[in-house]
PDB file of N, CA and C in Angstrom:
ATOM      1  N   MET A   1     132.448 110.296  39.104  1.00  0.00           N
ATOM      2  CA  MET A   1     131.925 110.241  40.451  1.00  0.00           C
ATOM      3  C   MET A   1     133.087 110.413  41.437  1.00  0.00           C
ATOM      4  N   GLU A   2     132.875 111.293  42.369  1.00  0.00           N
ATOM      5  CA  GLU A   2     133.927 111.606  43.333  1.00  0.00           C
ATOM      6  C   GLU A   2     133.895 110.656  44.531  1.00  0.00           C
ATOM      7  N   ALA A   3     135.055 110.291  44.993  1.00  0.00           N
ATOM      8  CA  ALA A   3     135.144 109.432  46.178  1.00  0.00           C
ATOM      9  C   ALA A   3     134.961 110.286  47.432  1.00  0.00           C
ATOM     10  N   ILE A   4     134.282 109.730  48.413  1.00  0.00           N
ATOM     11  CA  ILE A   4     134.058 110.437  49.677  1.00  0.00           C
ATOM     12  C   ILE A   4     135.304 110.308  50.537  1.00  0.00           C
ATOM     13  N   LYS A   5     135.777 111.439  51.023  1.00  0.00           N
ATOM     14  CA  LYS A   5     136.965 111.412  51.876  1.00  0.00           C
ATOM     15  C   LYS A   5     136.593 110.904  53.265  1.00  0.00           C
ATOM     16  N   HIS A   6     137.411 110.043  53.769  1.00  0.00           N
ATOM     17  CA  HIS A   6     137.216 109.532  55.126  1.00  0.00           C
ATOM     18  C   HIS A   6     138.127 110.318  56.062  1.00  0.00           C
ATOM     19  N   PHE A   7     137.529 110.948  57.048  1.00  0.00           N
ATOM     20  CA  PHE A   7     138.280 111.803  57.957  1.00  0.00           C
ATOM     21  C   PHE A   7     138.522 111.054  59.261  1.00  0.00           C
ATOM     22  N   GLU A   8     139.756 110.830  59.597  1.00  0.00           N
ATOM     23  CA  GLU A   8     140.106 110.159  60.847  1.00  0.00           C
ATOM     24  C   GLU A   8     140.626 111.183  61.839  1.00  0.00           C
ATOM     25  N   SER A   9     140.135 111.078  63.063  1.00  0.00           N
ATOM     26  CA  SER A   9     140.589 112.002  64.090  1.00  0.00           C
ATOM     27  C   SER A   9     140.735 111.254  65.415  1.00  0.00           C
ATOM     28  N   PRO A  10     141.944 111.092  65.906  1.00  0.00           N
ATOM     29  CA  PRO A  10     142.124 110.438  67.212  1.00  0.00           C
ATOM     30  C   PRO A  10     141.456 111.232  68.331  1.00  0.00           C
ATOM     31  N   ARG A  11     141.449 112.544  68.201  1.00  0.00           N
ATOM     32  CA  ARG A  11     140.818 113.362  69.245  1.00  0.00           C
ATOM     33  C   ARG A  11     139.309 113.083  69.310  1.00  0.00           C
ATOM     34  N   ARG A  12     138.661 113.016  68.152  1.00  0.00           N
ATOM     35  CA  ARG A  12     137.223 112.730  68.127  1.00  0.00           C
ATOM     36  C   ARG A  12     136.945 111.343  68.716  1.00  0.00           C
ATOM     37  N   THR A  13     137.777 110.377  68.430  1.00  0.00           N
ATOM     38  CA  THR A  13     137.608 109.033  68.981  1.00  0.00           C
ATOM     39  C   THR A  13     137.706 109.054  70.503  1.00  0.00           C
ATOM     40  N   TRP A  14     138.709 109.765  71.042  1.00  0.00           N
ATOM     41  CA  TRP A  14     138.861 109.832  72.495  1.00  0.00           C
ATOM     42  C   TRP A  14     137.728 110.620  73.142  1.00  0.00           C
ATOM     43  N   ILE A  15     137.198 111.603  72.441  1.00  0.00           N
ATOM     44  CA  ILE A  15     136.048 112.345  72.984  1.00  0.00           C
ATOM     45  C   ILE A  15     134.840 111.419  73.102  1.00  0.00           C
ATOM     46  N   TRP A  16     134.595 110.603  72.065  1.00  0.00           N
ATOM     47  CA  TRP A  16     133.464 109.672  72.136  1.00  0.00           C
ATOM     48  C   TRP A  16     133.674 108.620  73.229  1.00  0.00           C
ATOM     49  N   ILE A  17     134.887 108.155  73.382  1.00  0.00           N
ATOM     50  CA  ILE A  17     135.170 107.191  74.459  1.00  0.00           C
ATOM     51  C   ILE A  17     134.916 107.843  75.820  1.00  0.00           C
ATOM     52  N   ALA A  18     135.340 109.095  75.982  1.00  0.00           N
ATOM     53  CA  ALA A  18     135.114 109.800  77.252  1.00  0.00           C
ATOM     54  C   ALA A  18     133.628 110.027  77.496  1.00  0.00           C
ATOM     55  N   VAL A  19     132.868 110.334  76.452  1.00  0.00           N
ATOM     56  CA  VAL A  19     131.418 110.531  76.602  1.00  0.00           C
ATOM     57  C   VAL A  19     130.750 109.233  77.039  1.00  0.00           C
ATOM     58  N   MET A  20     131.110 108.128  76.408  1.00  0.00           N
ATOM     59  CA  MET A  20     130.512 106.842  76.788  1.00  0.00           C
ATOM     60  C   MET A  20     130.910 106.452  78.211  1.00  0.00           C
ATOM     61  N   LEU A  21     132.145 106.712  78.593  1.00  0.00           N
ATOM     62  CA  LEU A  21     132.584 106.427  79.955  1.00  0.00           C
ATOM     63  C   LEU A  21     131.837 107.296  80.961  1.00  0.00           C
ATOM     64  N   ALA A  22     131.602 108.559  80.611  1.00  0.00           N
ATOM     65  CA  ALA A  22     130.854 109.451  81.500  1.00  0.00           C
ATOM     66  C   ALA A  22     129.419 108.966  81.679  1.00  0.00           C
ATOM     67  N   ILE A  23     128.810 108.462  80.618  1.00  0.00           N
ATOM     68  CA  ILE A  23     127.443 107.931  80.722  1.00  0.00           C
ATOM     69  C   ILE A  23     127.420 106.725  81.658  1.00  0.00           C
ATOM     70  N   ILE A  24     128.378 105.830  81.505  1.00  0.00           N
ATOM     71  CA  ILE A  24     128.431 104.641  82.364  1.00  0.00           C
ATOM     72  C   ILE A  24     128.655 105.041  83.819  1.00  0.00           C
ATOM     73  N   LEU A  25     129.563 105.972  84.069  1.00  0.00           N
ATOM     74  CA  LEU A  25     129.817 106.413  85.442  1.00  0.00           C
ATOM     75  C   LEU A  25     128.604 107.127  86.030  1.00  0.00           C
ATOM     76  N   PHE A  26     127.922 107.944  85.227  1.00  0.00           N
ATOM     77  CA  PHE A  26     126.731 108.628  85.711  1.00  0.00           C
ATOM     78  C   PHE A  26     125.654 107.623  86.116  1.00  0.00           C
ATOM     79  N   LYS A  27     125.435 106.604  85.281  1.00  0.00           N
ATOM     80  CA  LYS A  27     124.446 105.581  85.623  1.00  0.00           C
ATOM     81  C   LYS A  27     124.825 104.835  86.898  1.00  0.00           C
ATOM     82  N   GLY A  28     126.112 104.566  87.079  1.00  0.00           N
ATOM     83  CA  GLY A  28     126.571 103.885  88.294  1.00  0.00           C
ATOM     84  C   GLY A  28     126.363 104.725  89.530  1.00  0.00           C
ATOM     85  N   PHE A  29     126.744 106.012  89.469  1.00  0.00           N
ATOM     86  CA  PHE A  29     126.531 106.900  90.615  1.00  0.00           C
ATOM     87  C   PHE A  29     125.047 107.083  90.898  1.00  0.00           C
ATOM     88  N   PHE A  30     124.247 107.204  89.852  1.00  0.00           N
ATOM     89  CA  PHE A  30     122.797 107.338  90.032  1.00  0.00           C
ATOM     90  C   PHE A  30     122.234 106.114  90.737  1.00  0.00           C
ATOM     91  N   ALA A  31     122.620 104.932  90.284  1.00  0.00           N
ATOM     92  CA  ALA A  31     122.122 103.705  90.903  1.00  0.00           C
ATOM     93  C   ALA A  31     122.593 103.581  92.344  1.00  0.00           C
ATOM     94  N   PHE A  32     123.803 104.005  92.631  1.00  0.00           N
ATOM     95  CA  PHE A  32     124.344 103.856  93.983  1.00  0.00           C
ATOM     96  C   PHE A  32     123.724 104.850  94.956  1.00  0.00           C
ATOM     97  N   PHE A  33     123.581 106.098  94.546  1.00  0.00           N
ATOM     98  CA  PHE A  33     123.125 107.124  95.483  1.00  0.00           C
ATOM     99  C   PHE A  33     121.620 107.354  95.481  1.00  0.00           C
ATOM    100  N   VAL A  34     120.941 107.078  94.393  1.00  0.00           N
ATOM    101  CA  VAL A  34     119.506 107.372  94.330  1.00  0.00           C
ATOM    102  C   VAL A  34     118.670 106.113  94.530  1.00  0.00           C
ATOM    103  N   VAL A  35     119.067 105.015  93.914  1.00  0.00           N
ATOM    104  CA  VAL A  35     118.246 103.811  93.937  1.00  0.00           C
ATOM    105  C   VAL A  35     118.698 102.833  95.012  1.00  0.00           C
ATOM    106  N   SER A  36     119.817 103.076  95.645  1.00  0.00           N
ATOM    107  CA  SER A  36     120.390 102.102  96.570  1.00  0.00           C
ATOM    108  C   SER A  36     119.537 101.910  97.824  1.00  0.00           C
ATOM    109  N   ASP A  37     119.869 100.873  98.578  1.00  0.00           N
ATOM    110  CA  ASP A  37     119.166 100.545  99.810  1.00  0.00           C
ATOM    111  C   ASP A  37     119.507 101.583 100.873  1.00  0.00           C
ATOM    112  N   MET A  38     118.490 102.180 101.457  1.00  0.00           N
ATOM    113  CA  MET A  38     118.702 103.219 102.467  1.00  0.00           C
ATOM    114  C   MET A  38     118.552 102.692 103.894  1.00  0.00           C
ATOM    115  N   GLY A  39     118.633 101.388 104.077  1.00  0.00           N
ATOM    116  CA  GLY A  39     118.545 100.826 105.421  1.00  0.00           C
ATOM    117  C   GLY A  39     117.152 100.317 105.732  1.00  0.00           C
ATOM    118  N   GLN A  40     116.894 100.173 107.014  1.00  0.00           N
ATOM    119  CA  GLN A  40     115.612  99.650 107.460  1.00  0.00           C
ATOM    120  C   GLN A  40     114.493 100.652 107.164  1.00  0.00           C
ATOM    121  N   PRO A  41     113.307 100.156 106.783  1.00  0.00           N
ATOM    122  CA  PRO A  41     112.189 101.066 106.554  1.00  0.00           C
ATOM    123  C   PRO A  41     111.694 101.660 107.872  1.00  0.00           C
ATOM    124  N   THR A  42     111.033 102.782 107.782  1.00  0.00           N
ATOM    125  CA  THR A  42     110.556 103.459 108.984  1.00  0.00           C
ATOM    126  C   THR A  42     109.263 102.868 109.520  1.00  0.00           C
ATOM    127  N   TRP A  43     108.556 102.075 108.707  1.00  0.00           N
ATOM    128  CA  TRP A  43     107.313 101.496 109.183  1.00  0.00           C
ATOM    129  C   TRP A  43     107.579 100.159 109.862  1.00  0.00           C
ATOM    130  N   SER A  44     106.586  99.688 110.594  1.00  0.00           N
ATOM    131  CA  SER A  44     106.716  98.442 111.327  1.00  0.00           C
ATOM    132  C   SER A  44     105.656  97.462 110.830  1.00  0.00           C
ATOM    133  N   TYR A  45     106.095  96.266 110.476  1.00  0.00           N
ATOM    134  CA  TYR A  45     105.146  95.217 110.136  1.00  0.00           C
ATOM    135  C   TYR A  45     104.719  94.570 111.446  1.00  0.00           C
ATOM    136  N   ARG A  46     103.531  94.903 111.883  1.00  0.00           N
ATOM    137  CA  ARG A  46     103.080  94.315 113.146  1.00  0.00           C
ATOM    138  C   ARG A  46     102.837  92.827 112.945  1.00  0.00           C
ATOM    139  N   PRO A  47     103.090  92.036 113.957  1.00  0.00           N
ATOM    140  CA  PRO A  47     102.921  90.592 113.778  1.00  0.00           C
ATOM    141  C   PRO A  47     101.448  90.225 113.624  1.00  0.00           C
ATOM    142  N   VAL A  48     101.162  89.440 112.626  1.00  0.00           N
ATOM    143  CA  VAL A  48      99.801  88.952 112.402  1.00  0.00           C
ATOM    144  C   VAL A  48      99.809  87.470 112.733  1.00  0.00           C
ATOM    145  N   GLN A  49      98.963  87.097 113.645  1.00  0.00           N
ATOM    146  CA  GLN A  49      98.893  85.693 114.026  1.00  0.00           C
ATOM    147  C   GLN A  49      98.264  84.906 112.884  1.00  0.00           C
ATOM    148  N   ASP A  50      98.843  83.760 112.583  1.00  0.00           N
ATOM    149  CA  ASP A  50      98.350  83.001 111.446  1.00  0.00           C
ATOM    150  C   ASP A  50      97.399  81.878 111.837  1.00  0.00           C
ATOM    151  N   VAL A  51      97.101  81.724 113.106  1.00  0.00           N
ATOM    152  CA  VAL A  51      96.118  80.738 113.537  1.00  0.00           C
ATOM    153  C   VAL A  51      94.745  81.390 113.402  1.00  0.00           C
ATOM    154  N   PRO A  52      93.859  80.855 112.561  1.00  0.00           N
ATOM    155  CA  PRO A  52      92.583  81.528 112.306  1.00  0.00           C
ATOM    156  C   PRO A  52      91.742  81.762 113.558  1.00  0.00           C
ATOM    157  N   ALA A  53      91.838  80.876 114.546  1.00  0.00           N
ATOM    158  CA  ALA A  53      91.008  81.046 115.731  1.00  0.00           C
ATOM    159  C   ALA A  53      91.449  82.239 116.568  1.00  0.00           C
ATOM    160  N   SER A  54      92.701  82.634 116.471  1.00  0.00           N
ATOM    161  CA  SER A  54      93.173  83.731 117.294  1.00  0.00           C
ATOM    162  C   SER A  54      93.468  84.994 116.490  1.00  0.00           C
ATOM    163  N   SER A  55      93.214  84.948 115.188  1.00  0.00           N
ATOM    164  CA  SER A  55      93.484  86.105 114.357  1.00  0.00           C
ATOM    165  C   SER A  55      92.353  87.121 114.475  1.00  0.00           C
ATOM    166  N   PRO A  56      92.664  88.413 114.640  1.00  0.00           N
ATOM    167  CA  PRO A  56      91.604  89.416 114.702  1.00  0.00           C
ATOM    168  C   PRO A  56      90.933  89.616 113.348  1.00  0.00           C
ATOM    169  N   TYR A  57      91.526  89.105 112.282  1.00  0.00           N
ATOM    170  CA  TYR A  57      90.929  89.257 110.954  1.00  0.00           C
ATOM    171  C   TYR A  57      89.939  88.134 110.639  1.00  0.00           C
ATOM    172  N   ALA A  58      89.887  87.104 111.463  1.00  0.00           N
ATOM    173  CA  ALA A  58      88.960  85.992 111.248  1.00  0.00           C
ATOM    174  C   ALA A  58      87.657  86.301 111.963  1.00  0.00           C
ATOM    175  N   THR A  59      86.842  87.140 111.371  1.00  0.00           N
ATOM    176  CA  THR A  59      85.592  87.554 112.009  1.00  0.00           C
ATOM    177  C   THR A  59      84.382  86.838 111.421  1.00  0.00           C
ATOM    178  N   TYR A  60      84.611  85.863 110.564  1.00  0.00           N
ATOM    179  CA  TYR A  60      83.492  85.137 109.961  1.00  0.00           C
ATOM    180  C   TYR A  60      82.983  84.063 110.910  1.00  0.00           C
ATOM    181  N   ARG A  61      81.754  83.688 110.694  1.00  0.00           N
ATOM    182  CA  ARG A  61      81.184  82.604 111.493  1.00  0.00           C
ATOM    183  C   ARG A  61      81.701  81.272 110.981  1.00  0.00           C
ATOM    184  N   PRO A  62      82.054  80.333 111.856  1.00  0.00           N
ATOM    185  CA  PRO A  62      82.466  79.019 111.380  1.00  0.00           C
ATOM    186  C   PRO A  62      81.273  78.283 110.771  1.00  0.00           C
ATOM    187  N   LEU A  63      81.544  77.526 109.739  1.00  0.00           N
ATOM    188  CA  LEU A  63      80.480  76.759 109.087  1.00  0.00           C
ATOM    189  C   LEU A  63      80.154  75.528 109.922  1.00  0.00           C
ATOM    190  N   PRO A  64      78.919  75.071 109.862  1.00  0.00           N
ATOM    191  CA  PRO A  64      78.490  73.985 110.767  1.00  0.00           C
ATOM    192  C   PRO A  64      79.018  72.607 110.394  1.00  0.00           C
ATOM    193  N   ASN A  65      79.467  72.407 109.198  1.00  0.00           N
ATOM    194  CA  ASN A  65      79.847  71.067 108.749  1.00  0.00           C
ATOM    195  C   ASN A  65      81.372  70.908 108.817  1.00  0.00           C
ATOM    196  N   PRO A  66      81.849  69.654 108.991  1.00  0.00           N
ATOM    197  CA  PRO A  66      83.269  69.436 109.177  1.00  0.00           C
ATOM    198  C   PRO A  66      84.130  69.827 107.956  1.00  0.00           C
ATOM    199  N   GLN A  67      83.569  69.753 106.762  1.00  0.00           N
ATOM    200  CA  GLN A  67      84.363  70.076 105.589  1.00  0.00           C
ATOM    201  C   GLN A  67      84.232  71.533 105.163  1.00  0.00           C
ATOM    202  N   HIS A  68      83.571  72.324 105.984  1.00  0.00           N
ATOM    203  CA  HIS A  68      83.380  73.754 105.707  1.00  0.00           C
ATOM    204  C   HIS A  68      82.707  74.007 104.364  1.00  0.00           C
ATOM    205  N   VAL A  69      81.692  73.175 104.095  1.00  0.00           N
ATOM    206  CA  VAL A  69      80.918  73.319 102.868  1.00  0.00           C
ATOM    207  C   VAL A  69      79.510  73.705 103.258  1.00  0.00           C
ATOM    208  N   ARG A  70      78.984  74.724 102.613  1.00  0.00           N
ATOM    209  CA  ARG A  70      77.608  75.122 102.910  1.00  0.00           C
ATOM    210  C   ARG A  70      76.636  74.104 102.329  1.00  0.00           C
ATOM    211  N   GLY A  71      75.503  73.996 102.925  1.00  0.00           N
ATOM    212  CA  GLY A  71      74.487  73.076 102.414  1.00  0.00           C
ATOM    213  C   GLY A  71      74.072  72.077 103.470  1.00  0.00           C
ATOM    214  N   ALA A  72      73.156  71.219 103.066  1.00  0.00           N
ATOM    215  CA  ALA A  72      72.631  70.221 104.007  1.00  0.00           C
ATOM    216  C   ALA A  72      73.673  69.141 104.281  1.00  0.00           C
ATOM    217  N   GLY A  73      74.112  69.070 105.494  1.00  0.00           N
ATOM    218  CA  GLY A  73      75.047  68.020 105.903  1.00  0.00           C
ATOM    219  C   GLY A  73      76.433  68.175 105.286  1.00  0.00           C
ATOM    220  N   GLY A  74      76.772  69.326 104.791  1.00  0.00           N
ATOM    221  CA  GLY A  74      78.096  69.546 104.226  1.00  0.00           C
ATOM    222  C   GLY A  74      78.238  69.026 102.816  1.00  0.00           C
ATOM    223  N   GLU A  75      77.136  68.860 102.113  1.00  0.00           N
ATOM    224  CA  GLU A  75      77.200  68.319 100.732  1.00  0.00           C
ATOM    225  C   GLU A  75      77.422  69.418  99.734  1.00  0.00           C
TER     226      GLU A  75
END
């Protein structure tokens, strides 16, 4: 049975190190220039009043009982 020759190459090792470094740098540049924060958004969050009596979204009728439960006498 023949022994398998092990081939060592410093050049091949440095090429693989350079390839891995290029991948890491590419991911960093991609994250910085493509995914990064581009500043304030162009849309405006209009203020929504959180008091139900003055909110334009509170268009429901108030319930007649103090505990806001439907039924006879708030039961």
